[in-house]
C-alpha atoms as a PDB file:
ATOM      1  CA  MET A   1      41.569  27.256 115.827  1.00  0.00           C
ATOM      2  CA  THR A   2      43.533  25.086 117.751  1.00  0.00           C
ATOM      3  CA  PRO A   3      46.569  26.824 119.572  1.00  0.00           C
ATOM      4  CA  ASN A   4      49.955  25.312 119.068  1.00  0.00           C
ATOM      5  CA  LYS A   5      51.138  23.386 121.835  1.00  0.00           C
ATOM      6  CA  VAL A   6      54.301  24.483 123.583  1.00  0.00           C
ATOM      7  CA  SER A   7      56.691  21.467 123.984  1.00  0.00           C
ATOM      8  CA  SER A   8      58.169  21.242 127.382  1.00  0.00           C
ATOM      9  CA  PRO A   9      61.973  20.772 127.479  1.00  0.00           C
ATOM     10  CA  MET A  10      63.193  17.395 127.174  1.00  0.00           C
ATOM     11  CA  LYS A  11      64.164  15.969 130.848  1.00  0.00           C
ATOM     12  CA  VAL A  12      67.505  14.464 130.843  1.00  0.00           C
ATOM     13  CA  THR A  13      67.656  11.217 132.783  1.00  0.00           C
ATOM     14  CA  ASP A  14      70.984   9.909 132.172  1.00  0.00           C
ATOM     15  CA  PRO A  15      73.509  11.492 134.793  1.00  0.00           C
ATOM     16  CA  ALA A  16      76.153  11.446 132.337  1.00  0.00           C
ATOM     17  CA  THR A  17      74.391  13.514 129.706  1.00  0.00           C
ATOM     18  CA  ALA A  18      73.431  15.885 132.332  1.00  0.00           C
ATOM     19  CA  LEU A  19      76.781  16.381 133.518  1.00  0.00           C
ATOM     20  CA  LEU A  20      77.910  16.829 129.905  1.00  0.00           C
ATOM     21  CA  LEU A  21      75.135  19.809 129.311  1.00  0.00           C
ATOM     22  CA  LYS A  22      76.116  21.469 132.650  1.00  0.00           C
ATOM     23  CA  CYS A  23      79.740  21.608 131.071  1.00  0.00           C
ATOM     24  CA  ARG A  24      78.504  23.098 128.006  1.00  0.00           C
ATOM     25  CA  ASP A  25      76.344  25.759 130.075  1.00  0.00           C
ATOM     26  CA  ASN A  26      79.652  26.794 131.752  1.00  0.00           C
ATOM     27  CA  ASP A  27      77.829  25.740 134.897  1.00  0.00           C
ATOM     28  CA  TRP A  28      80.845  24.801 136.763  1.00  0.00           C
ATOM     29  CA  ASP A  29      79.749  25.193 140.445  1.00  0.00           C
ATOM     30  CA  GLU A  30      77.078  22.455 139.454  1.00  0.00           C
ATOM     31  CA  VAL A  31      79.495  20.173 137.662  1.00  0.00           C
ATOM     32  CA  LEU A  32      81.621  20.406 140.552  1.00  0.00           C
ATOM     33  CA  ARG A  33      78.803  19.627 142.953  1.00  0.00           C
ATOM     34  CA  ILE A  34      77.836  16.447 140.692  1.00  0.00           C
ATOM     35  CA  LEU A  35      81.211  15.185 140.613  1.00  0.00           C
ATOM     36  CA  GLN A  36      82.094  15.612 144.390  1.00  0.00           C
ATOM     37  CA  LYS A  37      78.684  13.412 144.941  1.00  0.00           C
ATOM     38  CA  HIS A  38      79.260  11.238 142.201  1.00  0.00           C
ATOM     39  CA  PRO A  39      82.863  10.621 141.337  1.00  0.00           C
ATOM     40  CA  SER A  40      82.555   7.681 139.141  1.00  0.00           C
ATOM     41  CA  LEU A  41      80.895   9.908 136.760  1.00  0.00           C
ATOM     42  CA  ALA A  42      84.291  11.331 135.793  1.00  0.00           C
ATOM     43  CA  LEU A  43      84.982   7.802 134.103  1.00  0.00           C
ATOM     44  CA  ALA A  44      81.679   7.788 131.848  1.00  0.00           C
ATOM     45  CA  SER A  45      82.093   8.106 128.296  1.00  0.00           C
ATOM     46  CA  ILE A  46      79.416  10.430 127.110  1.00  0.00           C
ATOM     47  CA  GLY A  47      78.036  10.789 123.554  1.00  0.00           C
ATOM     48  CA  MET A  48      77.858  14.139 121.970  1.00  0.00           C
ATOM     49  CA  ASP A  49      75.624  15.506 119.291  1.00  0.00           C
ATOM     50  CA  ASN A  50      77.975  14.471 116.795  1.00  0.00           C
ATOM     51  CA  ALA A  51      77.992  11.017 118.188  1.00  0.00           C
ATOM     52  CA  VAL A  52      81.656  11.586 119.088  1.00  0.00           C
ATOM     53  CA  LYS A  53      82.378  10.465 122.749  1.00  0.00           C
ATOM     54  CA  THR A  54      83.883  12.793 125.341  1.00  0.00           C
ATOM     55  CA  THR A  55      84.314  12.554 129.088  1.00  0.00           C
ATOM     56  CA  ALA A  56      83.965  15.345 131.868  1.00  0.00           C
ATOM     57  CA  LEU A  57      87.577  15.825 132.077  1.00  0.00           C
ATOM     58  CA  HIS A  58      88.033  16.126 128.316  1.00  0.00           C
ATOM     59  CA  GLN A  59      85.040  18.657 128.126  1.00  0.00           C
ATOM     60  CA  THR A  60      86.367  20.621 130.914  1.00  0.00           C
ATOM     61  CA  ILE A  61      89.752  21.084 129.513  1.00  0.00           C
ATOM     62  CA  VAL A  62      88.459  22.292 126.037  1.00  0.00           C
ATOM     63  CA  SER A  63      85.580  24.519 127.304  1.00  0.00           C
ATOM     64  CA  LYS A  64      85.890  28.329 127.024  1.00  0.00           C
ATOM     65  CA  GLY A  65      84.465  29.210 130.315  1.00  0.00           C
ATOM     66  CA  ASP A  66      85.721  30.543 133.736  1.00  0.00           C
ATOM     67  CA  VAL A  67      89.449  29.535 133.977  1.00  0.00           C
ATOM     68  CA  ALA A  68      89.625  29.106 137.809  1.00  0.00           C
ATOM     69  CA  LYS A  69      86.432  27.270 138.250  1.00  0.00           C
ATOM     70  CA  ARG A  70      87.214  24.798 135.324  1.00  0.00           C
ATOM     71  CA  THR A  71      90.820  24.435 137.119  1.00  0.00           C
ATOM     72  CA  GLN A  72      89.061  23.431 140.098  1.00  0.00           C
ATOM     73  CA  VAL A  73      87.153  20.736 138.725  1.00  0.00           C
ATOM     74  CA  ILE A  74      90.036  19.314 136.714  1.00  0.00           C
ATOM     75  CA  THR A  75      92.068  19.301 139.871  1.00  0.00           C
ATOM     76  CA  THR A  76      89.008  17.761 141.610  1.00  0.00           C
ATOM     77  CA  ILE A  77      88.674  15.033 139.193  1.00  0.00           C
ATOM     78  CA  LEU A  78      92.521  14.024 139.270  1.00  0.00           C
ATOM     79  CA  GLN A  79      92.332  13.844 143.070  1.00  0.00           C
ATOM     80  CA  GLN A  80      89.171  11.817 143.177  1.00  0.00           C
ATOM     81  CA  THR A  81      89.396   9.858 140.344  1.00  0.00           C
ATOM     82  CA  PRO A  82      92.873   9.672 138.937  1.00  0.00           C
ATOM     83  CA  ALA A  83      91.955   6.795 136.267  1.00  0.00           C
ATOM     84  CA  ALA A  84      90.058   9.509 134.569  1.00  0.00           C
ATOM     85  CA  ALA A  85      93.724  10.490 133.161  1.00  0.00           C
ATOM     86  CA  ARG A  86      93.497   7.219 131.205  1.00  0.00           C
ATOM     87  CA  SER A  87      90.309   7.695 129.647  1.00  0.00           C
ATOM     88  CA  ARG A  88      90.075   8.555 125.667  1.00  0.00           C
ATOM     89  CA  ASN A  89      87.721  10.626 123.809  1.00  0.00           C
ATOM     90  CA  GLY A  90      86.128   9.629 120.423  1.00  0.00           C
ATOM     91  CA  TYR A  91      89.337  10.809 118.691  1.00  0.00           C
ATOM     92  CA  GLY A  92      91.537   8.469 120.711  1.00  0.00           C
ATOM     93  CA  SER A  93      93.113  11.220 122.434  1.00  0.00           C
ATOM     94  CA  LEU A  94      93.899  11.337 126.317  1.00  0.00           C
ATOM     95  CA  PRO A  95      93.418  14.206 128.477  1.00  0.00           C
ATOM     96  CA  LEU A  96      97.330  14.944 128.113  1.00  0.00           C
ATOM     97  CA  HIS A  97      96.889  15.112 124.450  1.00  0.00           C
ATOM     98  CA  VAL A  98      94.164  17.593 124.468  1.00  0.00           C
ATOM     99  CA  ILE A  99      95.638  19.886 127.047  1.00  0.00           C
ATOM    100  CA  ALA A 100      98.890  20.066 125.497  1.00  0.00           C
ATOM    101  CA  GLN A 101      97.727  21.353 122.170  1.00  0.00           C
ATOM    102  CA  ARG A 102      97.566  25.260 121.146  1.00  0.00           C
ATOM    103  CA  ASN A 103      94.282  27.116 122.037  1.00  0.00           C
ATOM    104  CA  THR A 104      93.099  25.696 125.020  1.00  0.00           C
ATOM    105  CA  LYS A 105      91.374  28.607 126.657  1.00  0.00           C
ATOM    106  CA  LEU A 106      93.871  28.580 129.900  1.00  0.00           C
ATOM    107  CA  THR A 107      96.547  30.899 131.069  1.00  0.00           C
ATOM    108  CA  ALA A 108     100.052  29.577 130.508  1.00  0.00           C
ATOM    109  CA  VAL A 109     100.769  29.085 134.123  1.00  0.00           C
ATOM    110  CA  ILE A 110      97.582  27.290 134.902  1.00  0.00           C
ATOM    111  CA  LYS A 111      98.218  24.883 131.864  1.00  0.00           C
ATOM    112  CA  GLU A 112     101.453  23.921 132.818  1.00  0.00           C
ATOM    113  CA  GLU A 113     100.402  23.115 136.283  1.00  0.00           C
ATOM    114  CA  LEU A 114      97.435  20.645 135.022  1.00  0.00           C
ATOM    115  CA  MET A 115      99.795  19.223 132.400  1.00  0.00           C
ATOM    116  CA  THR A 116     102.213  18.471 135.405  1.00  0.00           C
ATOM    117  CA  LEU A 117      99.176  17.019 137.318  1.00  0.00           C
ATOM    118  CA  LEU A 118      98.248  14.820 134.361  1.00  0.00           C
ATOM    119  CA  VAL A 119     101.780  13.581 133.552  1.00  0.00           C
ATOM    120  CA  HIS A 120     102.146  12.272 137.387  1.00  0.00           C
ATOM    121  CA  ALA A 121      98.467  10.829 137.140  1.00  0.00           C
ATOM    122  CA  ASN A 122      99.336   8.881 133.990  1.00  0.00           C
ATOM    123  CA  PRO A 123     103.213   8.717 133.105  1.00  0.00           C
ATOM    124  CA  ASP A 124     102.059   5.938 130.541  1.00  0.00           C
ATOM    125  CA  ALA A 125     100.257   8.615 128.500  1.00  0.00           C
ATOM    126  CA  LEU A 126     103.546   9.969 127.350  1.00  0.00           C
ATOM    127  CA  LEU A 127     103.916   7.016 125.185  1.00  0.00           C
ATOM    128  CA  GLU A 128     100.676   6.761 123.818  1.00  0.00           C
ATOM    129  CA  THR A 129      99.440   7.953 120.306  1.00  0.00           C
ATOM    130  CA  GLY A 130      96.182   9.541 119.911  1.00  0.00           C
ATOM    131  CA  GLY A 131      93.946  11.673 117.658  1.00  0.00           C
ATOM    132  CA  PRO A 132      93.857  11.672 113.904  1.00  0.00           C
ATOM    133  CA  GLY A 133      97.806  12.398 113.331  1.00  0.00           C
ATOM    134  CA  GLY A 134      98.770   9.553 115.569  1.00  0.00           C
ATOM    135  CA  ARG A 135     100.969  11.730 117.786  1.00  0.00           C
ATOM    136  CA  THR A 136     102.246  11.639 121.475  1.00  0.00           C
ATOM    137  CA  PRO A 137     101.694  14.092 123.846  1.00  0.00           C
ATOM    138  CA  LEU A 138     105.389  15.412 123.566  1.00  0.00           C
ATOM    139  CA  HIS A 139     104.637  15.856 119.903  1.00  0.00           C
ATOM    140  CA  VAL A 140     101.625  17.760 120.314  1.00  0.00           C
ATOM    141  CA  CYS A 141     103.454  19.840 123.140  1.00  0.00           C
ATOM    142  CA  PHE A 142     105.650  21.587 120.610  1.00  0.00           C
ATOM    143  CA  THR A 143     102.948  22.942 118.610  1.00  0.00           C
ATOM    144  CA  ASP A 144     102.515  25.153 121.652  1.00  0.00           C
ATOM    145  CA  TYR A 145     105.167  27.171 123.662  1.00  0.00           C
ATOM    146  CA  LEU A 146     105.766  25.434 126.830  1.00  0.00           C
ATOM    147  CA  SER A 147     108.582  26.105 129.501  1.00  0.00           C
ATOM    148  CA  PRO A 148     111.883  24.252 129.463  1.00  0.00           C
ATOM    149  CA  GLU A 149     111.146  22.677 132.753  1.00  0.00           C
ATOM    150  CA  LEU A 150     107.932  21.236 131.728  1.00  0.00           C
ATOM    151  CA  THR A 151     109.437  19.992 128.222  1.00  0.00           C
ATOM    152  CA  GLN A 152     112.437  18.399 130.188  1.00  0.00           C
ATOM    153  CA  LEU A 153     109.961  16.430 132.441  1.00  0.00           C
ATOM    154  CA  MET A 154     107.816  14.980 129.582  1.00  0.00           C
ATOM    155  CA  ILE A 155     110.919  13.926 127.962  1.00  0.00           C
ATOM    156  CA  GLU A 156     112.579  12.280 131.252  1.00  0.00           C
ATOM    157  CA  LYS A 157     109.328  10.497 131.961  1.00  0.00           C
ATOM    158  CA  GLY A 158     108.624   9.512 128.321  1.00  0.00           C
ATOM    159  CA  LYS A 159     112.112   9.079 126.842  1.00  0.00           C
ATOM    160  CA  GLY A 160     110.515   6.484 124.247  1.00  0.00           C
ATOM    161  CA  ALA A 161     108.407   9.343 122.678  1.00  0.00           C
ATOM    162  CA  CYS A 162     111.568  11.030 121.532  1.00  0.00           C
ATOM    163  CA  PHE A 163     111.927   7.832 118.853  1.00  0.00           C
ATOM    164  CA  MET A 164     108.207   7.633 117.998  1.00  0.00           C
ATOM    165  CA  THR A 165     106.716   8.883 114.723  1.00  0.00           C
ATOM    166  CA  ASP A 166     103.513   9.993 113.783  1.00  0.00           C
ATOM    167  CA  LYS A 167     101.468   9.198 110.715  1.00  0.00           C
ATOM    168  CA  LYS A 168     103.536  11.508 108.700  1.00  0.00           C
ATOM    169  CA  GLY A 169     106.844  10.186 109.999  1.00  0.00           C
ATOM    170  CA  TYR A 170     107.334  13.117 112.065  1.00  0.00           C
ATOM    171  CA  LEU A 171     109.442  12.748 115.305  1.00  0.00           C
ATOM    172  CA  PRO A 172     108.859  15.093 118.184  1.00  0.00           C
ATOM    173  CA  ALA A 173     112.001  16.811 116.881  1.00  0.00           C
ATOM    174  CA  HIS A 174     110.552  17.420 113.547  1.00  0.00           C
ATOM    175  CA  ILE A 175     107.521  18.948 115.016  1.00  0.00           C
ATOM    176  CA  ALA A 176     109.797  21.230 117.267  1.00  0.00           C
ATOM    177  CA  CYS A 177     111.824  22.374 114.103  1.00  0.00           C
ATOM    178  CA  SER A 178     108.860  23.186 112.224  1.00  0.00           C
ATOM    179  CA  ARG A 179     107.379  24.928 115.064  1.00  0.00           C
ATOM    180  CA  HIS A 180     110.453  27.567 115.757  1.00  0.00           C
ATOM    181  CA  CYS A 181     111.472  25.754 119.013  1.00  0.00           C
ATOM    182  CA  SER A 182     114.608  27.175 120.971  1.00  0.00           C
ATOM    183  CA  PRO A 183     117.803  25.338 120.555  1.00  0.00           C
ATOM    184  CA  LEU A 184     117.734  24.524 124.207  1.00  0.00           C
ATOM    185  CA  LYS A 185     114.495  22.269 123.928  1.00  0.00           C
ATOM    186  CA  LEU A 186     115.826  20.654 120.709  1.00  0.00           C
ATOM    187  CA  GLN A 187     118.950  19.837 122.508  1.00  0.00           C
ATOM    188  CA  MET A 188     116.930  17.934 125.000  1.00  0.00           C
ATOM    189  CA  LEU A 189     115.450  15.909 122.263  1.00  0.00           C
ATOM    190  CA  LEU A 190     118.591  15.230 120.450  1.00  0.00           C
ATOM    191  CA  ASP A 191     120.393  14.202 123.780  1.00  0.00           C
ATOM    192  CA  VAL A 192     117.990  11.286 124.118  1.00  0.00           C
ATOM    193  CA  ASN A 193     117.630  10.562 120.524  1.00  0.00           C
ATOM    194  CA  PRO A 194     120.640  11.804 118.556  1.00  0.00           C
ATOM    195  CA  GLY A 195     119.680   9.886 115.298  1.00  0.00           C
ATOM    196  CA  ALA A 196     116.686  12.522 114.851  1.00  0.00           C
ATOM    197  CA  LEU A 197     119.460  14.611 113.536  1.00  0.00           C
ATOM    198  CA  GLN A 198     119.577  12.607 110.241  1.00  0.00           C
ATOM    199  CA  GLN A 199     116.122  11.023 110.220  1.00  0.00           C
ATOM    200  CA  THR A 200     113.809  12.150 107.506  1.00  0.00           C
ATOM    201  CA  THR A 201     109.783  12.323 107.442  1.00  0.00           C
ATOM    202  CA  LYS A 202     107.746  10.328 105.089  1.00  0.00           C
ATOM    203  CA  ALA A 203     107.969  13.337 102.718  1.00  0.00           C
ATOM    204  CA  GLY A 204     111.897  13.642 103.079  1.00  0.00           C
ATOM    205  CA  TYR A 205     112.232  16.577 105.391  1.00  0.00           C
ATOM    206  CA  THR A 206     115.129  16.740 108.025  1.00  0.00           C
ATOM    207  CA  LEU A 207     115.476  19.093 111.001  1.00  0.00           C
ATOM    208  CA  LEU A 208     117.293  21.574 109.127  1.00  0.00           C
ATOM    209  CA  SER A 209     115.025  21.638 106.156  1.00  0.00           C
ATOM    210  CA  LEU A 210     112.170  21.969 108.161  1.00  0.00           C
ATOM    211  CA  ALA A 211     113.628  24.885 110.434  1.00  0.00           C
ATOM    212  CA  THR A 212     114.600  26.296 107.114  1.00  0.00           C
ATOM    213  CA  SER A 213     111.462  25.856 105.286  1.00  0.00           C
ATOM    214  CA  THR A 214     109.083  27.306 108.054  1.00  0.00           C
ATOM    215  CA  ALA A 215     111.098  30.314 108.754  1.00  0.00           C
ATOM    216  CA  THR A 216     109.059  33.578 108.597  1.00  0.00           C
ATOM    217  CA  ALA A 217     109.666  37.280 108.862  1.00  0.00           C
ATOM    218  CA  THR A 218     108.183  37.070 112.351  1.00  0.00           C
ATOM    219  CA  HIS A 219     110.096  33.617 113.284  1.00  0.00           C
ATOM    220  CA  PRO A 220     113.213  33.749 111.137  1.00  0.00           C
ATOM    221  CA  ASN A 221     114.781  30.707 113.148  1.00  0.00           C
ATOM    222  CA  TYR A 222     118.084  32.415 112.939  1.00  0.00           C
ATOM    223  CA  ARG A 223     119.437  30.609 116.162  1.00  0.00           C
ATOM    224  CA  LEU A 224     117.650  27.216 115.461  1.00  0.00           C
ATOM    225  CA  ILE A 225     119.400  27.100 112.009  1.00  0.00           C
ATOM    226  CA  GLU A 226     122.575  28.192 113.045  1.00  0.00           C
ATOM    227  CA  TYR A 227     122.508  25.598 116.242  1.00  0.00           C
ATOM    228  CA  LEU A 228     121.360  22.902 113.535  1.00  0.00           C
ATOM    229  CA  GLN A 229     124.119  23.724 111.334  1.00  0.00           C
ATOM    230  CA  ASN A 230     127.061  23.782 113.947  1.00  0.00           C
ATOM    231  CA  VAL A 231     125.845  20.386 115.316  1.00  0.00           C
ATOM    232  CA  LEU A 232     125.744  18.941 111.748  1.00  0.00           C
ATOM    233  CA  GLN A 233     129.176  20.225 111.235  1.00  0.00           C
ATOM    234  CA  GLN A 234     130.432  19.034 114.419  1.00  0.00           C
ATOM    235  CA  ALA A 235     128.977  15.282 113.254  1.00  0.00           C
ATOM    236  CA  GLY A 236     130.677  15.595 110.104  1.00  0.00           C
ATOM    237  CA  ILE A 237     127.474  15.526 108.293  1.00  0.00           C
ATOM    238  CA  VAL A 238     126.844  17.513 104.781  1.00  0.00           C
ATOM    239  CA  GLU A 239     123.451  18.495 103.979  1.00  0.00           C
ATOM    240  CA  THR A 240     122.628  20.541 100.935  1.00  0.00           C
ATOM    241  CA  PRO A 241     120.312  23.346 101.522  1.00  0.00           C
ATOM    242  CA  VAL A 242     116.739  23.264 100.418  1.00  0.00           C
ATOM    243  CA  VAL A 243     115.875  25.039  97.218  1.00  0.00           C
ATOM    244  CA  ALA A 244     113.206  27.418  97.796  1.00  0.00           C
ATOM    245  CA  PRO A 245     110.427  27.350  95.448  1.00  0.00           C
ATOM    246  CA  VAL A 246     110.276  29.831  92.661  1.00  0.00           C
ATOM    247  CA  VAL A 247     107.886  32.963  93.126  1.00  0.00           C
ATOM    248  CA  PRO A 248     106.138  33.533  89.970  1.00  0.00           C
ATOM    249  CA  ALA A 249     106.471  37.097  88.801  1.00  0.00           C
ATOM    250  CA  SER A 250     103.620  39.416  89.269  1.00  0.00           C
ATOM    251  CA  PRO A 251     101.190  39.705  86.051  1.00  0.00           C
ATOM    252  CA  PRO A 252     101.383  42.771  83.875  1.00  0.00           C
ATOM    253  CA  ILE A 253      98.986  45.850  84.517  1.00  0.00           C
ATOM    254  CA  LEU A 254      96.392  45.487  81.967  1.00  0.00           C
ATOM    255  CA  SER A 255      94.429  48.602  80.472  1.00  0.00           C
ATOM    256  CA  LEU A 256      90.806  49.252  81.420  1.00  0.00           C
ATOM    257  CA  GLU A 257      89.811  48.086  77.862  1.00  0.00           C
ATOM    258  CA  LEU A 258      91.848  44.661  77.785  1.00  0.00           C
ATOM    259  CA  ARG A 259      90.389  43.741  81.245  1.00  0.00           C
ATOM    260  CA  LYS A 260      86.805  44.580  79.944  1.00  0.00           C
ATOM    261  CA  ARG A 261      87.238  42.243  77.017  1.00  0.00           C
ATOM    262  CA  ARG A 262      88.985  39.437  79.157  1.00  0.00           C
ATOM    263  CA  ALA A 263      86.137  39.593  81.647  1.00  0.00           C
ATOM    264  CA  LYS A 264      83.591  39.171  78.814  1.00  0.00           C
ATOM    265  CA  SER A 265      85.471  36.271  77.307  1.00  0.00           C
ATOM    266  CA  SER A 266      85.391  34.701  80.670  1.00  0.00           C
ATOM    267  CA  SER A 267      81.642  34.771  81.382  1.00  0.00           C
ATOM    268  CA  PRO A 268      80.235  31.918  83.078  1.00  0.00           C
ATOM    269  CA  ALA A 269      77.960  31.263  79.791  1.00  0.00           C
ATOM    270  CA  ARG A 270      81.308  31.028  77.693  1.00  0.00           C
ATOM    271  CA  LYS A 271      82.958  28.874  80.139  1.00  0.00           C
ATOM    272  CA  ARG A 272      80.224  26.282  80.358  1.00  0.00           C
ATOM    273  CA  GLN A 273      80.351  26.172  76.502  1.00  0.00           C
ATOM    274  CA  ARG A 274      83.998  25.400  75.885  1.00  0.00           C
ATOM    275  CA  ARG A 275      85.021  23.837  79.354  1.00  0.00           C
ATOM    276  CA  ALA A 276      86.226  20.268  78.792  1.00  0.00           C
ATOM    277  CA  PRO A 277      85.458  17.716  81.381  1.00  0.00           C
ATOM    278  CA  GLU A 278      87.764  17.192  84.370  1.00  0.00           C
ATOM    279  CA  ASP A 279      90.014  14.261  84.545  1.00  0.00           C
ATOM    280  CA  PRO A 280      88.716  12.371  87.516  1.00  0.00           C
ATOM    281  CA  ALA A 281      92.406  11.670  88.451  1.00  0.00           C
ATOM    282  CA  SER A 282      92.988  15.461  88.607  1.00  0.00           C
ATOM    283  CA  LEU A 283      89.841  15.825  90.856  1.00  0.00           C
ATOM    284  CA  LEU A 284      91.151  13.509  93.151  1.00  0.00           C
ATOM    285  CA  LEU A 285      94.671  14.917  93.325  1.00  0.00           C
ATOM    286  CA  HIS A 286      93.151  18.439  93.840  1.00  0.00           C
ATOM    287  CA  PHE A 287      90.784  17.536  96.667  1.00  0.00           C
ATOM    288  CA  SER A 288      93.449  15.360  98.454  1.00  0.00           C
ATOM    289  CA  ARG A 289      95.989  18.094  98.755  1.00  0.00           C
ATOM    290  CA  THR A 290      95.823  20.665 101.593  1.00  0.00           C
ATOM    291  CA  ALA A 291      97.027  24.234 102.173  1.00  0.00           C
ATOM    292  CA  VAL A 292      99.689  23.064 104.597  1.00  0.00           C
ATOM    293  CA  ASP A 293     101.215  20.656 102.283  1.00  0.00           C
ATOM    294  CA  LEU A 294     104.625  21.727 101.954  1.00  0.00           C
ATOM    295  CA  PRO A 295     106.549  20.833  98.513  1.00  0.00           C
ATOM    296  CA  GLU A 296     108.869  17.975  98.336  1.00  0.00           C
ATOM    297  CA  PRO A 297     112.241  19.017  99.303  1.00  0.00           C
ATOM    298  CA  ASP A 298     115.414  18.295  97.453  1.00  0.00           C
ATOM    299  CA  VAL A 299     117.425  17.259 100.313  1.00  0.00           C
ATOM    300  CA  VAL A 300     120.962  15.148  99.987  1.00  0.00           C
ATOM    301  CA  ILE A 301     122.803  14.081 103.215  1.00  0.00           C
ATOM    302  CA  SER A 302     126.059  12.619 103.025  1.00  0.00           C
ATOM    303  CA  MET A 303     128.798  11.684 105.533  1.00  0.00           C
ATOM    304  CA  ASP A 304     132.463  12.891 105.266  1.00  0.00           C
ATOM    305  CA  VAL A 305     134.487   9.794 105.473  1.00  0.00           C
END
């Protein structure tokens, strides 16, 4: 009987791919050594298994390995090859887009230090859209909790972003109000773009309707809503409150016997017999909706004359 041959590990000859594999292995000492020896590799666009392109800088930001060593790699790239801050990944995102989002495995302090370095390395990134949602880094940063100091820096260096909308028609101010931002940071945005107070998204949401509809028990948005109401009042704008969706009443408690009869009548075999074909249009509507879609608001804005 012929023994099975043991295949030898594939030898990677492409330096950029070898660098990506070292990033994935969290071998940050080796990543740093390679980049110090070959700084231009930081500009290489590397294909991943899913055919989406990335760079060493993007990969280091999103990895989950040693924070201190990853920080050293990122700062080294920006010092040696600052042009890497202008490279996009396969989703069209710049490194600043990527690091501005939530859930990057970095401490809050280190994240803000690295974001500041990226802003200075490529200030033009603040006016660039990226990712599936077509958002600027200013949009993205409001999905996380940044300090007022970094928020102010991003606004000052990228004021035009305060007027830019994403694919759903959201300004950064809309994102901010939907993510429980502080009145202080919203005021920074309104100081640059006062018109945001009345501007609506493609679905018809205003800043106040978003702050109201996204309020939760843990984030009631009291201060934010009160602030918006005061600003609207001072501007002489009357905005009707959003009508909350009606919550259906709880179903009645059924007896055990009735539950058994209903379970029997709704068996898969019976369902297959009497179920009518689904309307293709209904299927399309069902699969095109997402769990985060908000209902269309009933918002009316008028100006007191």
